[in-house]
């Protein structure tokens, strides 16, 4: 997911996307803990997507967008 795509969404849409990515990250961590060995690149991608979403959300908040 690219930052440009995220910037097109409103804060509510970004919140939904963040929740989805956090669930994905949790599921990948649980797979790793139970020994199912998920692909390490998926864990890294989920972590970076979460950071990217949070960054865009903060940019929008600072810009004064309330929706």
C-alpha atoms as a PDB file:
ATOM      1  CA  UNK A   1       0.000   0.000   0.000  1.00  0.00           C
ATOM      2  CA  UNK A   2       1.376   3.357  -1.008  1.00  0.00           C
ATOM      3  CA  UNK A   3       1.160   6.597   0.934  1.00  0.00           C
ATOM      4  CA  UNK A   4      -0.530   8.311  -2.011  1.00  0.00           C
ATOM      5  CA  UNK A   5      -3.385   5.822  -1.850  1.00  0.00           C
ATOM      6  CA  UNK A   6      -3.716   6.401   1.879  1.00  0.00           C
ATOM      7  CA  UNK A   7      -3.779  10.180   1.529  1.00  0.00           C
ATOM      8  CA  UNK A   8      -6.909   9.888  -0.618  1.00  0.00           C
ATOM      9  CA  UNK A   9      -8.846   8.314   2.276  1.00  0.00           C
ATOM     10  CA  UNK A  10     -10.457  10.193   5.153  1.00  0.00           C
ATOM     11  CA  UNK A  11      -9.574   9.619   8.812  1.00  0.00           C
ATOM     12  CA  UNK A  12     -12.401   7.111   9.319  1.00  0.00           C
ATOM     13  CA  UNK A  13     -11.214   5.056   6.360  1.00  0.00           C
ATOM     14  CA  UNK A  14      -7.659   5.186   7.639  1.00  0.00           C
ATOM     15  CA  UNK A  15      -8.837   4.039  11.062  1.00  0.00           C
ATOM     16  CA  UNK A  16     -10.554   1.045   9.498  1.00  0.00           C
ATOM     17  CA  UNK A  17      -7.449   0.228   7.478  1.00  0.00           C
ATOM     18  CA  UNK A  18      -5.284   0.521  10.600  1.00  0.00           C
ATOM     19  CA  UNK A  19      -7.534  -1.873  12.503  1.00  0.00           C
ATOM     20  CA  UNK A  20      -7.383  -4.376   9.648  1.00  0.00           C
ATOM     21  CA  UNK A  21      -3.573  -4.217   9.468  1.00  0.00           C
ATOM     22  CA  UNK A  22      -3.246  -4.615  13.247  1.00  0.00           C
ATOM     23  CA  UNK A  23      -5.421  -7.726  13.119  1.00  0.00           C
ATOM     24  CA  UNK A  24      -3.265  -9.074  10.304  1.00  0.00           C
ATOM     25  CA  UNK A  25      -0.114  -8.373  12.325  1.00  0.00           C
ATOM     26  CA  UNK A  26      -1.611 -10.095  15.380  1.00  0.00           C
ATOM     27  CA  UNK A  27      -2.511 -13.170  13.350  1.00  0.00           C
ATOM     28  CA  UNK A  28       0.999 -13.360  11.903  1.00  0.00           C
ATOM     29  CA  UNK A  29       2.511 -13.074  15.384  1.00  0.00           C
ATOM     30  CA  UNK A  30       0.254 -15.853  16.672  1.00  0.00           C
ATOM     31  CA  UNK A  31       1.274 -18.074  13.760  1.00  0.00           C
ATOM     32  CA  UNK A  32       4.922 -17.463  14.604  1.00  0.00           C
ATOM     33  CA  UNK A  33       4.312 -18.196  18.290  1.00  0.00           C
ATOM     34  CA  UNK A  34       2.593 -21.499  17.553  1.00  0.00           C
ATOM     35  CA  UNK A  35       5.408 -22.613  15.277  1.00  0.00           C
ATOM     36  CA  UNK A  36       3.642 -22.276  11.940  1.00  0.00           C
ATOM     37  CA  UNK A  37       6.463 -20.064  10.649  1.00  0.00           C
ATOM     38  CA  UNK A  38       4.733 -17.340   8.620  1.00  0.00           C
ATOM     39  CA  UNK A  39       6.738 -15.681   5.912  1.00  0.00           C
ATOM     40  CA  UNK A  40       8.973 -13.064   7.566  1.00  0.00           C
ATOM     41  CA  UNK A  41       8.384 -10.607   4.746  1.00  0.00           C
ATOM     42  CA  UNK A  42       4.660 -10.494   5.583  1.00  0.00           C
ATOM     43  CA  UNK A  43       5.395  -9.510   9.175  1.00  0.00           C
ATOM     44  CA  UNK A  44       7.719  -6.755   7.990  1.00  0.00           C
ATOM     45  CA  UNK A  45       5.188  -5.535   5.415  1.00  0.00           C
ATOM     46  CA  UNK A  46       2.378  -5.378   7.984  1.00  0.00           C
ATOM     47  CA  UNK A  47       4.562  -3.429  10.414  1.00  0.00           C
ATOM     48  CA  UNK A  48       5.550  -0.916   7.748  1.00  0.00           C
ATOM     49  CA  UNK A  49       1.967  -0.516   6.518  1.00  0.00           C
ATOM     50  CA  UNK A  50       0.855   0.260  10.081  1.00  0.00           C
ATOM     51  CA  UNK A  51       3.571   2.904  10.409  1.00  0.00           C
ATOM     52  CA  UNK A  52       2.635   4.377   7.030  1.00  0.00           C
ATOM     53  CA  UNK A  53      -1.047   4.602   7.998  1.00  0.00           C
ATOM     54  CA  UNK A  54      -0.221   6.245  11.325  1.00  0.00           C
ATOM     55  CA  UNK A  55       2.014   8.766   9.578  1.00  0.00           C
ATOM     56  CA  UNK A  56      -0.708   9.772   7.123  1.00  0.00           C
ATOM     57  CA  UNK A  57      -3.251   9.994   9.960  1.00  0.00           C
ATOM     58  CA  UNK A  58      -0.959  12.358  11.884  1.00  0.00           C
ATOM     59  CA  UNK A  59      -0.391  14.456   8.769  1.00  0.00           C
ATOM     60  CA  UNK A  60      -4.137  14.813   8.306  1.00  0.00           C
ATOM     61  CA  UNK A  61      -4.708  15.683  11.970  1.00  0.00           C
ATOM     62  CA  UNK A  62      -2.025  18.366  11.873  1.00  0.00           C
ATOM     63  CA  UNK A  63      -3.499  19.769   8.682  1.00  0.00           C
ATOM     64  CA  UNK A  64      -6.822  20.176  10.494  1.00  0.00           C
ATOM     65  CA  UNK A  65      -8.907  17.582   8.731  1.00  0.00           C
ATOM     66  CA  UNK A  66     -11.583  16.357  11.156  1.00  0.00           C
ATOM     67  CA  UNK A  67     -13.638  13.928   9.080  1.00  0.00           C
END
